[in-house]
Amino acid sequence: MTPLRINIQAAFTRDFCIELEYHLSRAFKNCDDKRYKWMWCDGIDDPDMAHQPSKNPRHVFTMAWFGETGQHRYKMTIKLGKCALKNCREGLSLSDCLPDVDTLDWVTLDAENKEIVLRLK
């Protein structure tokens, strides 16, 4: 396990998962697209660090409870931007790396395949 993966695990805390859950729900609530406005997140699993990529630790793979009822299982990929990578290296929370909830330009949703990709700052 590389030091960056260890730091990702330290930065990706249960508190951050809860904060991301609410943050994502607020972002979809602010969405102008009526197809997605009622989608929300009811939980994000802690990532299983044993199944994270060792060659590219810029992504975190996990699962989320998401959708119109918040009860569908979605594969979630979280892409780590510069802020998130810096915080991981320093063992800090990823909370201040969350993008603005007034836009969904940091989210890619594939509702048909139940996959969601997020890009942190």
PDB file of N, CA and C in Angstrom:
ATOM      1  N   MET A   1       0.847  -1.179   0.000  1.00  0.00           N
ATOM      2  CA  MET A   1       0.000   0.000   0.000  1.00  0.00           C
ATOM      3  C   MET A   1       0.892   1.241   0.000  1.00  0.00           C
ATOM      4  N   THR A   2       0.621   2.164  -0.918  1.00  0.00           N
ATOM      5  CA  THR A   2       1.429   3.373  -1.005  1.00  0.00           C
ATOM      6  C   THR A   2       1.017   4.368   0.071  1.00  0.00           C
ATOM      7  N   PRO A   3       1.909   5.274   0.450  1.00  0.00           N
ATOM      8  CA  PRO A   3       1.541   6.275   1.453  1.00  0.00           C
ATOM      9  C   PRO A   3       0.330   7.116   1.042  1.00  0.00           C
ATOM     10  N   LEU A   4       0.191   7.441  -0.263  1.00  0.00           N
ATOM     11  CA  LEU A   4      -0.950   8.235  -0.702  1.00  0.00           C
ATOM     12  C   LEU A   4      -2.248   7.475  -0.445  1.00  0.00           C
ATOM     13  N   ARG A   5      -2.276   6.157  -0.695  1.00  0.00           N
ATOM     14  CA  ARG A   5      -3.482   5.373  -0.423  1.00  0.00           C
ATOM     15  C   ARG A   5      -3.815   5.391   1.058  1.00  0.00           C
ATOM     16  N   ILE A   6      -2.822   5.315   1.893  1.00  0.00           N
ATOM     17  CA  ILE A   6      -3.057   5.376   3.331  1.00  0.00           C
ATOM     18  C   ILE A   6      -3.661   6.733   3.690  1.00  0.00           C
ATOM     19  N   ASN A   7      -3.151   7.789   3.111  1.00  0.00           N
ATOM     20  CA  ASN A   7      -3.677   9.123   3.377  1.00  0.00           C
ATOM     21  C   ASN A   7      -5.076   9.295   2.808  1.00  0.00           C
ATOM     22  N   ILE A   8      -5.360   8.664   1.666  1.00  0.00           N
ATOM     23  CA  ILE A   8      -6.719   8.720   1.125  1.00  0.00           C
ATOM     24  C   ILE A   8      -7.671   8.084   2.130  1.00  0.00           C
ATOM     25  N   GLN A   9      -7.273   6.971   2.687  1.00  0.00           N
ATOM     26  CA  GLN A   9      -8.110   6.295   3.670  1.00  0.00           C
ATOM     27  C   GLN A   9      -8.328   7.186   4.894  1.00  0.00           C
ATOM     28  N   ALA A  10      -7.297   7.884   5.329  1.00  0.00           N
ATOM     29  CA  ALA A  10      -7.420   8.764   6.492  1.00  0.00           C
ATOM     30  C   ALA A  10      -8.302   9.970   6.188  1.00  0.00           C
ATOM     31  N   ALA A  11      -8.234  10.493   4.956  1.00  0.00           N
ATOM     32  CA  ALA A  11      -9.007  11.680   4.588  1.00  0.00           C
ATOM     33  C   ALA A  11     -10.461  11.334   4.276  1.00  0.00           C
ATOM     34  N   PHE A  12     -10.706  10.123   3.814  1.00  0.00           N
ATOM     35  CA  PHE A  12     -12.050   9.708   3.423  1.00  0.00           C
ATOM     36  C   PHE A  12     -12.751   9.095   4.638  1.00  0.00           C
ATOM     37  N   THR A  13     -13.103   9.949   5.571  1.00  0.00           N
ATOM     38  CA  THR A  13     -13.674   9.520   6.846  1.00  0.00           C
ATOM     39  C   THR A  13     -15.184   9.320   6.750  1.00  0.00           C
ATOM     40  N   ARG A  14     -15.747   8.704   7.761  1.00  0.00           N
ATOM     41  CA  ARG A  14     -17.205   8.535   7.848  1.00  0.00           C
ATOM     42  C   ARG A  14     -17.876   9.903   7.855  1.00  0.00           C
ATOM     43  N   ASP A  15     -17.303  10.878   8.581  1.00  0.00           N
ATOM     44  CA  ASP A  15     -17.865  12.240   8.595  1.00  0.00           C
ATOM     45  C   ASP A  15     -17.875  12.841   7.199  1.00  0.00           C
ATOM     46  N   PHE A  16     -16.801  12.608   6.427  1.00  0.00           N
ATOM     47  CA  PHE A  16     -16.770  13.126   5.060  1.00  0.00           C
ATOM     48  C   PHE A  16     -17.836  12.442   4.208  1.00  0.00           C
ATOM     49  N   CYS A  17     -18.019  11.140   4.366  1.00  0.00           N
ATOM     50  CA  CYS A  17     -19.045  10.427   3.600  1.00  0.00           C
ATOM     51  C   CYS A  17     -20.428  11.008   3.872  1.00  0.00           C
ATOM     52  N   ILE A  18     -20.706  11.309   5.120  1.00  0.00           N
ATOM     53  CA  ILE A  18     -21.994  11.905   5.487  1.00  0.00           C
ATOM     54  C   ILE A  18     -22.114  13.300   4.890  1.00  0.00           C
ATOM     55  N   GLU A  19     -21.059  14.087   4.981  1.00  0.00           N
ATOM     56  CA  GLU A  19     -21.090  15.434   4.408  1.00  0.00           C
ATOM     57  C   GLU A  19     -21.277  15.376   2.890  1.00  0.00           C
ATOM     58  N   LEU A  20     -20.602  14.454   2.227  1.00  0.00           N
ATOM     59  CA  LEU A  20     -20.742  14.303   0.779  1.00  0.00           C
ATOM     60  C   LEU A  20     -22.156  13.884   0.408  1.00  0.00           C
ATOM     61  N   GLU A  21     -22.747  13.015   1.200  1.00  0.00           N
ATOM     62  CA  GLU A  21     -24.133  12.577   0.980  1.00  0.00           C
ATOM     63  C   GLU A  21     -25.081  13.781   0.948  1.00  0.00           C
ATOM     64  N   TYR A  22     -25.004  14.632   1.947  1.00  0.00           N
ATOM     65  CA  TYR A  22     -25.873  15.819   2.007  1.00  0.00           C
ATOM     66  C   TYR A  22     -25.517  16.836   0.927  1.00  0.00           C
ATOM     67  N   HIS A  23     -24.251  16.997   0.656  1.00  0.00           N
ATOM     68  CA  HIS A  23     -23.789  17.938  -0.360  1.00  0.00           C
ATOM     69  C   HIS A  23     -24.326  17.538  -1.740  1.00  0.00           C
ATOM     70  N   LEU A  24     -24.227  16.271  -2.052  1.00  0.00           N
ATOM     71  CA  LEU A  24     -24.716  15.764  -3.330  1.00  0.00           C
ATOM     72  C   LEU A  24     -26.228  15.921  -3.436  1.00  0.00           C
ATOM     73  N   SER A  25     -26.941  15.643  -2.367  1.00  0.00           N
ATOM     74  CA  SER A  25     -28.398  15.804  -2.365  1.00  0.00           C
ATOM     75  C   SER A  25     -28.793  17.262  -2.596  1.00  0.00           C
ATOM     76  N   ARG A  26     -28.081  18.196  -1.950  1.00  0.00           N
ATOM     77  CA  ARG A  26     -28.360  19.633  -2.154  1.00  0.00           C
ATOM     78  C   ARG A  26     -28.087  20.040  -3.598  1.00  0.00           C
ATOM     79  N   ALA A  27     -27.027  19.526  -4.188  1.00  0.00           N
ATOM     80  CA  ALA A  27     -26.683  19.873  -5.570  1.00  0.00           C
ATOM     81  C   ALA A  27     -27.785  19.410  -6.524  1.00  0.00           C
ATOM     82  N   PHE A  28     -28.307  18.202  -6.328  1.00  0.00           N
ATOM     83  CA  PHE A  28     -29.379  17.721  -7.196  1.00  0.00           C
ATOM     84  C   PHE A  28     -30.675  18.488  -6.946  1.00  0.00           C
ATOM     85  N   LYS A  29     -30.926  18.875  -5.712  1.00  0.00           N
ATOM     86  CA  LYS A  29     -32.121  19.669  -5.410  1.00  0.00           C
ATOM     87  C   LYS A  29     -32.074  21.012  -6.146  1.00  0.00           C
ATOM     88  N   ASN A  30     -30.882  21.568  -6.328  1.00  0.00           N
ATOM     89  CA  ASN A  30     -30.714  22.845  -7.024  1.00  0.00           C
ATOM     90  C   ASN A  30     -30.719  22.696  -8.540  1.00  0.00           C
ATOM     91  N   CYS A  31     -30.807  21.485  -9.039  1.00  0.00           N
ATOM     92  CA  CYS A  31     -30.738  21.204 -10.470  1.00  0.00           C
ATOM     93  C   CYS A  31     -31.981  21.719 -11.193  1.00  0.00           C
ATOM     94  N   ASP A  32     -31.785  22.306 -12.357  1.00  0.00           N
ATOM     95  CA  ASP A  32     -32.902  22.789 -13.168  1.00  0.00           C
ATOM     96  C   ASP A  32     -33.552  21.674 -13.985  1.00  0.00           C
ATOM     97  N   ASP A  33     -32.845  20.593 -14.214  1.00  0.00           N
ATOM     98  CA  ASP A  33     -33.340  19.485 -15.014  1.00  0.00           C
ATOM     99  C   ASP A  33     -34.317  18.659 -14.180  1.00  0.00           C
ATOM    100  N   LYS A  34     -35.588  18.666 -14.574  1.00  0.00           N
ATOM    101  CA  LYS A  34     -36.627  17.992 -13.796  1.00  0.00           C
ATOM    102  C   LYS A  34     -36.423  16.483 -13.704  1.00  0.00           C
ATOM    103  N   ARG A  35     -35.664  15.885 -14.654  1.00  0.00           N
ATOM    104  CA  ARG A  35     -35.393  14.448 -14.590  1.00  0.00           C
ATOM    105  C   ARG A  35     -34.556  14.097 -13.363  1.00  0.00           C
ATOM    106  N   TYR A  36     -33.739  15.044 -12.902  1.00  0.00           N
ATOM    107  CA  TYR A  36     -32.793  14.756 -11.825  1.00  0.00           C
ATOM    108  C   TYR A  36     -33.068  15.503 -10.525  1.00  0.00           C
ATOM    109  N   LYS A  37     -33.965  16.480 -10.572  1.00  0.00           N
ATOM    110  CA  LYS A  37     -34.203  17.342  -9.417  1.00  0.00           C
ATOM    111  C   LYS A  37     -34.607  16.575  -8.156  1.00  0.00           C
ATOM    112  N   TRP A  38     -35.255  15.441  -8.311  1.00  0.00           N
ATOM    113  CA  TRP A  38     -35.766  14.704  -7.160  1.00  0.00           C
ATOM    114  C   TRP A  38     -34.852  13.568  -6.726  1.00  0.00           C
ATOM    115  N   MET A  39     -33.677  13.483  -7.333  1.00  0.00           N
ATOM    116  CA  MET A  39     -32.727  12.457  -6.918  1.00  0.00           C
ATOM    117  C   MET A  39     -31.988  12.927  -5.676  1.00  0.00           C
ATOM    118  N   TRP A  40     -31.671  11.983  -4.825  1.00  0.00           N
ATOM    119  CA  TRP A  40     -30.961  12.329  -3.601  1.00  0.00           C
ATOM    120  C   TRP A  40     -30.136  11.136  -3.139  1.00  0.00           C
ATOM    121  N   CYS A  41     -29.244  11.416  -2.245  1.00  0.00           N
ATOM    122  CA  CYS A  41     -28.317  10.408  -1.732  1.00  0.00           C
ATOM    123  C   CYS A  41     -28.672  10.100  -0.281  1.00  0.00           C
ATOM    124  N   ASP A  42     -28.757   8.804   0.019  1.00  0.00           N
ATOM    125  CA  ASP A  42     -29.106   8.381   1.368  1.00  0.00           C
ATOM    126  C   ASP A  42     -27.959   7.632   2.045  1.00  0.00           C
ATOM    127  N   GLY A  43     -26.762   7.796   1.516  1.00  0.00           N
ATOM    128  CA  GLY A  43     -25.609   7.178   2.157  1.00  0.00           C
ATOM    129  C   GLY A  43     -24.511   6.854   1.163  1.00  0.00           C
ATOM    130  N   ILE A  44     -23.288   6.924   1.643  1.00  0.00           N
ATOM    131  CA  ILE A  44     -22.116   6.573   0.852  1.00  0.00           C
ATOM    132  C   ILE A  44     -21.297   5.613   1.694  1.00  0.00           C
ATOM    133  N   ASP A  45     -20.980   4.484   1.097  1.00  0.00           N
ATOM    134  CA  ASP A  45     -20.191   3.473   1.809  1.00  0.00           C
ATOM    135  C   ASP A  45     -18.753   3.946   1.960  1.00  0.00           C
ATOM    136  N   ASP A  46     -18.128   3.507   3.044  1.00  0.00           N
ATOM    137  CA  ASP A  46     -16.689   3.702   3.173  1.00  0.00           C
ATOM    138  C   ASP A  46     -16.032   2.891   2.067  1.00  0.00           C
ATOM    139  N   PRO A  47     -15.043   3.450   1.393  1.00  0.00           N
ATOM    140  CA  PRO A  47     -14.393   2.676   0.332  1.00  0.00           C
ATOM    141  C   PRO A  47     -13.574   1.524   0.916  1.00  0.00           C
ATOM    142  N   ASP A  48     -13.603   0.410   0.230  1.00  0.00           N
ATOM    143  CA  ASP A  48     -12.771  -0.730   0.615  1.00  0.00           C
ATOM    144  C   ASP A  48     -11.384  -0.474   0.031  1.00  0.00           C
ATOM    145  N   MET A  49     -10.470  -0.042   0.863  1.00  0.00           N
ATOM    146  CA  MET A  49      -9.159   0.378   0.374  1.00  0.00           C
ATOM    147  C   MET A  49      -8.381  -0.767  -0.268  1.00  0.00           C
ATOM    148  N   ALA A  50      -8.712  -2.000   0.045  1.00  0.00           N
ATOM    149  CA  ALA A  50      -8.033  -3.138  -0.580  1.00  0.00           C
ATOM    150  C   ALA A  50      -8.385  -3.255  -2.060  1.00  0.00           C
ATOM    151  N   HIS A  51      -9.499  -2.637  -2.469  1.00  0.00           N
ATOM    152  CA  HIS A  51      -9.930  -2.713  -3.864  1.00  0.00           C
ATOM    153  C   HIS A  51      -9.761  -1.394  -4.612  1.00  0.00           C
ATOM    154  N   GLN A  52      -8.932  -0.527  -4.103  1.00  0.00           N
ATOM    155  CA  GLN A  52      -8.640   0.736  -4.782  1.00  0.00           C
ATOM    156  C   GLN A  52      -7.436   0.522  -5.699  1.00  0.00           C
ATOM    157  N   PRO A  53      -7.359   1.300  -6.790  1.00  0.00           N
ATOM    158  CA  PRO A  53      -6.232   1.108  -7.715  1.00  0.00           C
ATOM    159  C   PRO A  53      -4.911   1.521  -7.070  1.00  0.00           C
ATOM    160  N   SER A  54      -3.907   0.685  -7.222  1.00  0.00           N
ATOM    161  CA  SER A  54      -2.606   1.022  -6.644  1.00  0.00           C
ATOM    162  C   SER A  54      -1.782   1.879  -7.590  1.00  0.00           C
ATOM    163  N   LYS A  55      -2.043   1.773  -8.886  1.00  0.00           N
ATOM    164  CA  LYS A  55      -1.257   2.534  -9.859  1.00  0.00           C
ATOM    165  C   LYS A  55      -1.807   3.943 -10.085  1.00  0.00           C
ATOM    166  N   ASN A  56      -3.066   4.160  -9.797  1.00  0.00           N
ATOM    167  CA  ASN A  56      -3.662   5.475 -10.004  1.00  0.00           C
ATOM    168  C   ASN A  56      -4.500   5.854  -8.791  1.00  0.00           C
ATOM    169  N   PRO A  57      -3.882   6.311  -7.724  1.00  0.00           N
ATOM    170  CA  PRO A  57      -4.654   6.629  -6.518  1.00  0.00           C
ATOM    171  C   PRO A  57      -5.385   7.967  -6.611  1.00  0.00           C
ATOM    172  N   ARG A  58      -5.659   8.442  -7.802  1.00  0.00           N
ATOM    173  CA  ARG A  58      -6.387   9.701  -7.983  1.00  0.00           C
ATOM    174  C   ARG A  58      -7.898   9.477  -8.030  1.00  0.00           C
ATOM    175  N   HIS A  59      -8.310   8.233  -7.893  1.00  0.00           N
ATOM    176  CA  HIS A  59      -9.719   7.879  -7.899  1.00  0.00           C
ATOM    177  C   HIS A  59     -10.024   7.038  -6.667  1.00  0.00           C
ATOM    178  N   VAL A  60     -11.215   7.237  -6.127  1.00  0.00           N
ATOM    179  CA  VAL A  60     -11.697   6.414  -5.022  1.00  0.00           C
ATOM    180  C   VAL A  60     -12.988   5.768  -5.510  1.00  0.00           C
ATOM    181  N   PHE A  61     -13.067   4.456  -5.369  1.00  0.00           N
ATOM    182  CA  PHE A  61     -14.243   3.714  -5.802  1.00  0.00           C
ATOM    183  C   PHE A  61     -15.018   3.252  -4.584  1.00  0.00           C
ATOM    184  N   THR A  62     -16.329   3.488  -4.635  1.00  0.00           N
ATOM    185  CA  THR A  62     -17.189   3.085  -3.532  1.00  0.00           C
ATOM    186  C   THR A  62     -18.599   2.859  -4.066  1.00  0.00           C
ATOM    187  N   MET A  63     -19.551   2.738  -3.175  1.00  0.00           N
ATOM    188  CA  MET A  63     -20.959   2.573  -3.536  1.00  0.00           C
ATOM    189  C   MET A  63     -21.768   3.641  -2.800  1.00  0.00           C
ATOM    190  N   ALA A  64     -22.874   4.029  -3.443  1.00  0.00           N
ATOM    191  CA  ALA A  64     -23.755   5.023  -2.834  1.00  0.00           C
ATOM    192  C   ALA A  64     -25.198   4.557  -2.933  1.00  0.00           C
ATOM    193  N   TRP A  65     -25.989   4.963  -1.965  1.00  0.00           N
ATOM    194  CA  TRP A  65     -27.439   4.774  -2.005  1.00  0.00           C
ATOM    195  C   TRP A  65     -27.978   6.052  -2.633  1.00  0.00           C
ATOM    196  N   PHE A  66     -28.581   5.941  -3.824  1.00  0.00           N
ATOM    197  CA  PHE A  66     -28.897   7.131  -4.602  1.00  0.00           C
ATOM    198  C   PHE A  66     -30.142   6.886  -5.443  1.00  0.00           C
ATOM    199  N   GLY A  67     -30.723   7.952  -5.952  1.00  0.00           N
ATOM    200  CA  GLY A  67     -31.856   7.887  -6.874  1.00  0.00           C
ATOM    201  C   GLY A  67     -33.041   8.659  -6.342  1.00  0.00           C
ATOM    202  N   GLU A  68     -34.192   8.485  -6.989  1.00  0.00           N
ATOM    203  CA  GLU A  68     -35.396   9.212  -6.578  1.00  0.00           C
ATOM    204  C   GLU A  68     -35.874   8.793  -5.196  1.00  0.00           C
ATOM    205  N   THR A  69     -35.587   7.574  -4.803  1.00  0.00           N
ATOM    206  CA  THR A  69     -35.959   7.110  -3.463  1.00  0.00           C
ATOM    207  C   THR A  69     -34.753   7.104  -2.529  1.00  0.00           C
ATOM    208  N   GLY A  70     -33.557   7.293  -3.090  1.00  0.00           N
ATOM    209  CA  GLY A  70     -32.340   7.223  -2.298  1.00  0.00           C
ATOM    210  C   GLY A  70     -31.977   5.804  -1.906  1.00  0.00           C
ATOM    211  N   GLN A  71     -32.634   4.813  -2.505  1.00  0.00           N
ATOM    212  CA  GLN A  71     -32.440   3.430  -2.085  1.00  0.00           C
ATOM    213  C   GLN A  71     -31.866   2.523  -3.168  1.00  0.00           C
ATOM    214  N   HIS A  72     -31.396   3.087  -4.262  1.00  0.00           N
ATOM    215  CA  HIS A  72     -30.769   2.283  -5.306  1.00  0.00           C
ATOM    216  C   HIS A  72     -29.262   2.307  -5.111  1.00  0.00           C
ATOM    217  N   ARG A  73     -28.620   1.184  -5.389  1.00  0.00           N
ATOM    218  CA  ARG A  73     -27.163   1.080  -5.249  1.00  0.00           C
ATOM    219  C   ARG A  73     -26.511   1.581  -6.530  1.00  0.00           C
ATOM    220  N   TYR A  74     -25.659   2.575  -6.380  1.00  0.00           N
ATOM    221  CA  TYR A  74     -24.915   3.143  -7.496  1.00  0.00           C
ATOM    222  C   TYR A  74     -23.426   2.932  -7.272  1.00  0.00           C
ATOM    223  N   LYS A  75     -22.725   2.553  -8.328  1.00  0.00           N
ATOM    224  CA  LYS A  75     -21.266   2.554  -8.275  1.00  0.00           C
ATOM    225  C   LYS A  75     -20.840   4.007  -8.280  1.00  0.00           C
ATOM    226  N   MET A  76     -19.943   4.363  -7.388  1.00  0.00           N
ATOM    227  CA  MET A  76     -19.501   5.755  -7.299  1.00  0.00           C
ATOM    228  C   MET A  76     -17.985   5.827  -7.484  1.00  0.00           C
ATOM    229  N   THR A  77     -17.582   6.699  -8.397  1.00  0.00           N
ATOM    230  CA  THR A  77     -16.166   6.991  -8.596  1.00  0.00           C
ATOM    231  C   THR A  77     -15.952   8.432  -8.191  1.00  0.00           C
ATOM    232  N   ILE A  78     -15.012   8.656  -7.303  1.00  0.00           N
ATOM    233  CA  ILE A  78     -14.693  10.009  -6.855  1.00  0.00           C
ATOM    234  C   ILE A  78     -13.303  10.348  -7.364  1.00  0.00           C
ATOM    235  N   LYS A  79     -13.260  11.316  -8.270  1.00  0.00           N
ATOM    236  CA  LYS A  79     -11.988  11.757  -8.829  1.00  0.00           C
ATOM    237  C   LYS A  79     -11.411  12.843  -7.933  1.00  0.00           C
ATOM    238  N   LEU A  80     -10.156  12.687  -7.579  1.00  0.00           N
ATOM    239  CA  LEU A  80      -9.501  13.624  -6.665  1.00  0.00           C
ATOM    240  C   LEU A  80      -8.763  14.697  -7.451  1.00  0.00           C
ATOM    241  N   GLY A  81      -9.194  15.953  -7.274  1.00  0.00           N
ATOM    242  CA  GLY A  81      -8.513  17.082  -7.889  1.00  0.00           C
ATOM    243  C   GLY A  81      -7.318  17.522  -7.041  1.00  0.00           C
ATOM    244  N   LYS A  82      -6.754  18.655  -7.397  1.00  0.00           N
ATOM    245  CA  LYS A  82      -5.544  19.149  -6.718  1.00  0.00           C
ATOM    246  C   LYS A  82      -5.760  19.362  -5.220  1.00  0.00           C
ATOM    247  N   CYS A  83      -6.866  19.982  -4.857  1.00  0.00           N
ATOM    248  CA  CYS A  83      -7.162  20.228  -3.440  1.00  0.00           C
ATOM    249  C   CYS A  83      -7.273  18.904  -2.683  1.00  0.00           C
ATOM    250  N   ALA A  84      -8.010  17.951  -3.264  1.00  0.00           N
ATOM    251  CA  ALA A  84      -8.210  16.662  -2.599  1.00  0.00           C
ATOM    252  C   ALA A  84      -6.892  15.903  -2.466  1.00  0.00           C
ATOM    253  N   LEU A  85      -6.076  15.918  -3.498  1.00  0.00           N
ATOM    254  CA  LEU A  85      -4.786  15.228  -3.420  1.00  0.00           C
ATOM    255  C   LEU A  85      -3.892  15.864  -2.359  1.00  0.00           C
ATOM    256  N   LYS A  86      -3.908  17.193  -2.303  1.00  0.00           N
ATOM    257  CA  LYS A  86      -3.111  17.892  -1.291  1.00  0.00           C
ATOM    258  C   LYS A  86      -3.586  17.503   0.108  1.00  0.00           C
ATOM    259  N   ASN A  87      -4.898  17.516   0.313  1.00  0.00           N
ATOM    260  CA  ASN A  87      -5.436  17.164   1.625  1.00  0.00           C
ATOM    261  C   ASN A  87      -5.122  15.717   1.987  1.00  0.00           C
ATOM    262  N   CYS A  88      -5.166  14.828   1.001  1.00  0.00           N
ATOM    263  CA  CYS A  88      -4.814  13.427   1.262  1.00  0.00           C
ATOM    264  C   CYS A  88      -3.358  13.307   1.680  1.00  0.00           C
ATOM    265  N   ARG A  89      -2.493  14.008   0.980  1.00  0.00           N
ATOM    266  CA  ARG A  89      -1.064  13.945   1.325  1.00  0.00           C
ATOM    267  C   ARG A  89      -0.809  14.437   2.746  1.00  0.00           C
ATOM    268  N   GLU A  90      -1.618  15.419   3.180  1.00  0.00           N
ATOM    269  CA  GLU A  90      -1.437  16.012   4.503  1.00  0.00           C
ATOM    270  C   GLU A  90      -2.328  15.353   5.558  1.00  0.00           C
ATOM    271  N   GLY A  91      -3.110  14.355   5.149  1.00  0.00           N
ATOM    272  CA  GLY A  91      -3.984  13.665   6.098  1.00  0.00           C
ATOM    273  C   GLY A  91      -5.147  14.507   6.575  1.00  0.00           C
ATOM    274  N   LEU A  92      -5.586  15.477   5.762  1.00  0.00           N
ATOM    275  CA  LEU A  92      -6.683  16.371   6.127  1.00  0.00           C
ATOM    276  C   LEU A  92      -8.003  15.882   5.532  1.00  0.00           C
ATOM    277  N   SER A  93      -9.086  16.361   6.066  1.00  0.00           N
ATOM    278  CA  SER A  93     -10.406  16.017   5.555  1.00  0.00           C
ATOM    279  C   SER A  93     -10.566  16.526   4.120  1.00  0.00           C
ATOM    280  N   LEU A  94     -11.423  15.858   3.379  1.00  0.00           N
ATOM    281  CA  LEU A  94     -11.719  16.275   2.005  1.00  0.00           C
ATOM    282  C   LEU A  94     -12.881  17.267   1.943  1.00  0.00           C
ATOM    283  N   SER A  95     -13.438  17.633   3.079  1.00  0.00           N
ATOM    284  CA  SER A  95     -14.626  18.493   3.120  1.00  0.00           C
ATOM    285  C   SER A  95     -14.455  19.820   2.405  1.00  0.00           C
ATOM    286  N   ASP A  96     -13.291  20.456   2.552  1.00  0.00           N
ATOM    287  CA  ASP A  96     -13.111  21.757   1.902  1.00  0.00           C
ATOM    288  C   ASP A  96     -12.781  21.617   0.421  1.00  0.00           C
ATOM    289  N   CYS A  97     -12.815  20.403  -0.111  1.00  0.00           N
ATOM    290  CA  CYS A  97     -12.568  20.160  -1.534  1.00  0.00           C
ATOM    291  C   CYS A  97     -13.869  19.878  -2.284  1.00  0.00           C
ATOM    292  N   LEU A  98     -15.000  20.021  -1.600  1.00  0.00           N
ATOM    293  CA  LEU A  98     -16.288  19.804  -2.256  1.00  0.00           C
ATOM    294  C   LEU A  98     -16.621  20.970  -3.170  1.00  0.00           C
ATOM    295  N   PRO A  99     -17.066  20.697  -4.386  1.00  0.00           N
ATOM    296  CA  PRO A  99     -17.454  21.774  -5.311  1.00  0.00           C
ATOM    297  C   PRO A  99     -18.746  22.457  -4.871  1.00  0.00           C
ATOM    298  N   ASP A 100     -19.091  23.512  -5.561  1.00  0.00           N
ATOM    299  CA  ASP A 100     -20.272  24.316  -5.284  1.00  0.00           C
ATOM    300  C   ASP A 100     -21.554  23.510  -5.506  1.00  0.00           C
ATOM    301  N   VAL A 101     -22.516  23.621  -4.604  1.00  0.00           N
ATOM    302  CA  VAL A 101     -23.791  22.910  -4.751  1.00  0.00           C
ATOM    303  C   VAL A 101     -24.739  23.597  -5.729  1.00  0.00           C
ATOM    304  N   ASP A 102     -24.381  24.781  -6.208  1.00  0.00           N
ATOM    305  CA  ASP A 102     -25.248  25.500  -7.130  1.00  0.00           C
ATOM    306  C   ASP A 102     -25.117  25.017  -8.571  1.00  0.00           C
ATOM    307  N   THR A 103     -24.243  24.054  -8.799  1.00  0.00           N
ATOM    308  CA  THR A 103     -24.060  23.508 -10.136  1.00  0.00           C
ATOM    309  C   THR A 103     -23.797  22.017 -10.033  1.00  0.00           C
ATOM    310  N   LEU A 104     -24.083  21.305 -11.099  1.00  0.00           N
ATOM    311  CA  LEU A 104     -23.791  19.875 -11.148  1.00  0.00           C
ATOM    312  C   LEU A 104     -22.665  19.578 -12.130  1.00  0.00           C
ATOM    313  N   ASP A 105     -21.864  20.586 -12.479  1.00  0.00           N
ATOM    314  CA  ASP A 105     -20.800  20.359 -13.459  1.00  0.00           C
ATOM    315  C   ASP A 105     -19.691  19.464 -12.913  1.00  0.00           C
ATOM    316  N   TRP A 106     -19.730  19.120 -11.669  1.00  0.00           N
ATOM    317  CA  TRP A 106     -18.749  18.234 -11.043  1.00  0.00           C
ATOM    318  C   TRP A 106     -19.272  16.806 -10.890  1.00  0.00           C
ATOM    319  N   VAL A 107     -20.484  16.567 -11.432  1.00  0.00           N
ATOM    320  CA  VAL A 107     -21.138  15.267 -11.318  1.00  0.00           C
ATOM    321  C   VAL A 107     -21.488  14.744 -12.712  1.00  0.00           C
ATOM    322  N   THR A 108     -21.190  13.476 -12.949  1.00  0.00           N
ATOM    323  CA  THR A 108     -21.655  12.787 -14.153  1.00  0.00           C
ATOM    324  C   THR A 108     -22.507  11.624 -13.678  1.00  0.00           C
ATOM    325  N   LEU A 109     -23.752  11.600 -14.132  1.00  0.00           N
ATOM    326  CA  LEU A 109     -24.701  10.592 -13.687  1.00  0.00           C
ATOM    327  C   LEU A 109     -25.114   9.714 -14.859  1.00  0.00           C
ATOM    328  N   ASP A 110     -25.034   8.416 -14.675  1.00  0.00           N
ATOM    329  CA  ASP A 110     -25.540   7.436 -15.635  1.00  0.00           C
ATOM    330  C   ASP A 110     -26.604   6.633 -14.885  1.00  0.00           C
ATOM    331  N   ALA A 111     -27.835   7.157 -14.914  1.00  0.00           N
ATOM    332  CA  ALA A 111     -28.921   6.544 -14.148  1.00  0.00           C
ATOM    333  C   ALA A 111     -29.260   5.154 -14.677  1.00  0.00           C
ATOM    334  N   GLU A 112     -29.137   4.947 -15.971  1.00  0.00           N
ATOM    335  CA  GLU A 112     -29.463   3.646 -16.568  1.00  0.00           C
ATOM    336  C   GLU A 112     -28.545   2.540 -16.034  1.00  0.00           C
ATOM    337  N   ASN A 113     -27.251   2.835 -15.942  1.00  0.00           N
ATOM    338  CA  ASN A 113     -26.284   1.850 -15.454  1.00  0.00           C
ATOM    339  C   ASN A 113     -25.988   1.989 -13.958  1.00  0.00           C
ATOM    340  N   LYS A 114     -26.681   2.916 -13.324  1.00  0.00           N
ATOM    341  CA  LYS A 114     -26.518   3.169 -11.884  1.00  0.00           C
ATOM    342  C   LYS A 114     -25.058   3.437 -11.515  1.00  0.00           C
ATOM    343  N   GLU A 115     -24.506   4.445 -12.182  1.00  0.00           N
ATOM    344  CA  GLU A 115     -23.148   4.874 -11.908  1.00  0.00           C
ATOM    345  C   GLU A 115     -23.105   6.390 -11.769  1.00  0.00           C
ATOM    346  N   ILE A 116     -22.286   6.849 -10.862  1.00  0.00           N
ATOM    347  CA  ILE A 116     -22.131   8.286 -10.652  1.00  0.00           C
ATOM    348  C   ILE A 116     -20.640   8.577 -10.471  1.00  0.00           C
ATOM    349  N   VAL A 117     -20.196   9.644 -11.125  1.00  0.00           N
ATOM    350  CA  VAL A 117     -18.797  10.068 -11.028  1.00  0.00           C
ATOM    351  C   VAL A 117     -18.786  11.484 -10.486  1.00  0.00           C
ATOM    352  N   LEU A 118     -17.994  11.712  -9.438  1.00  0.00           N
ATOM    353  CA  LEU A 118     -17.855  13.037  -8.829  1.00  0.00           C
ATOM    354  C   LEU A 118     -16.428  13.512  -8.993  1.00  0.00           C
ATOM    355  N   ARG A 119     -16.255  14.801  -9.170  1.00  0.00           N
ATOM    356  CA  ARG A 119     -14.928  15.394  -9.251  1.00  0.00           C
ATOM    357  C   ARG A 119     -14.765  16.395  -8.118  1.00  0.00           C
ATOM    358  N   LEU A 120     -13.892  16.095  -7.182  1.00  0.00           N
ATOM    359  CA  LEU A 120     -13.596  17.028  -6.108  1.00  0.00           C
ATOM    360  C   LEU A 120     -12.576  18.047  -6.597  1.00  0.00           C
ATOM    361  N   LYS A 121     -12.556  19.191  -5.938  1.00  0.00           N
ATOM    362  CA  LYS A 121     -11.560  20.219  -6.280  1.00  0.00           C
ATOM    363  C   LYS A 121     -10.189  19.701  -5.984  1.00  0.00           C
TER     364      LYS A 121
END
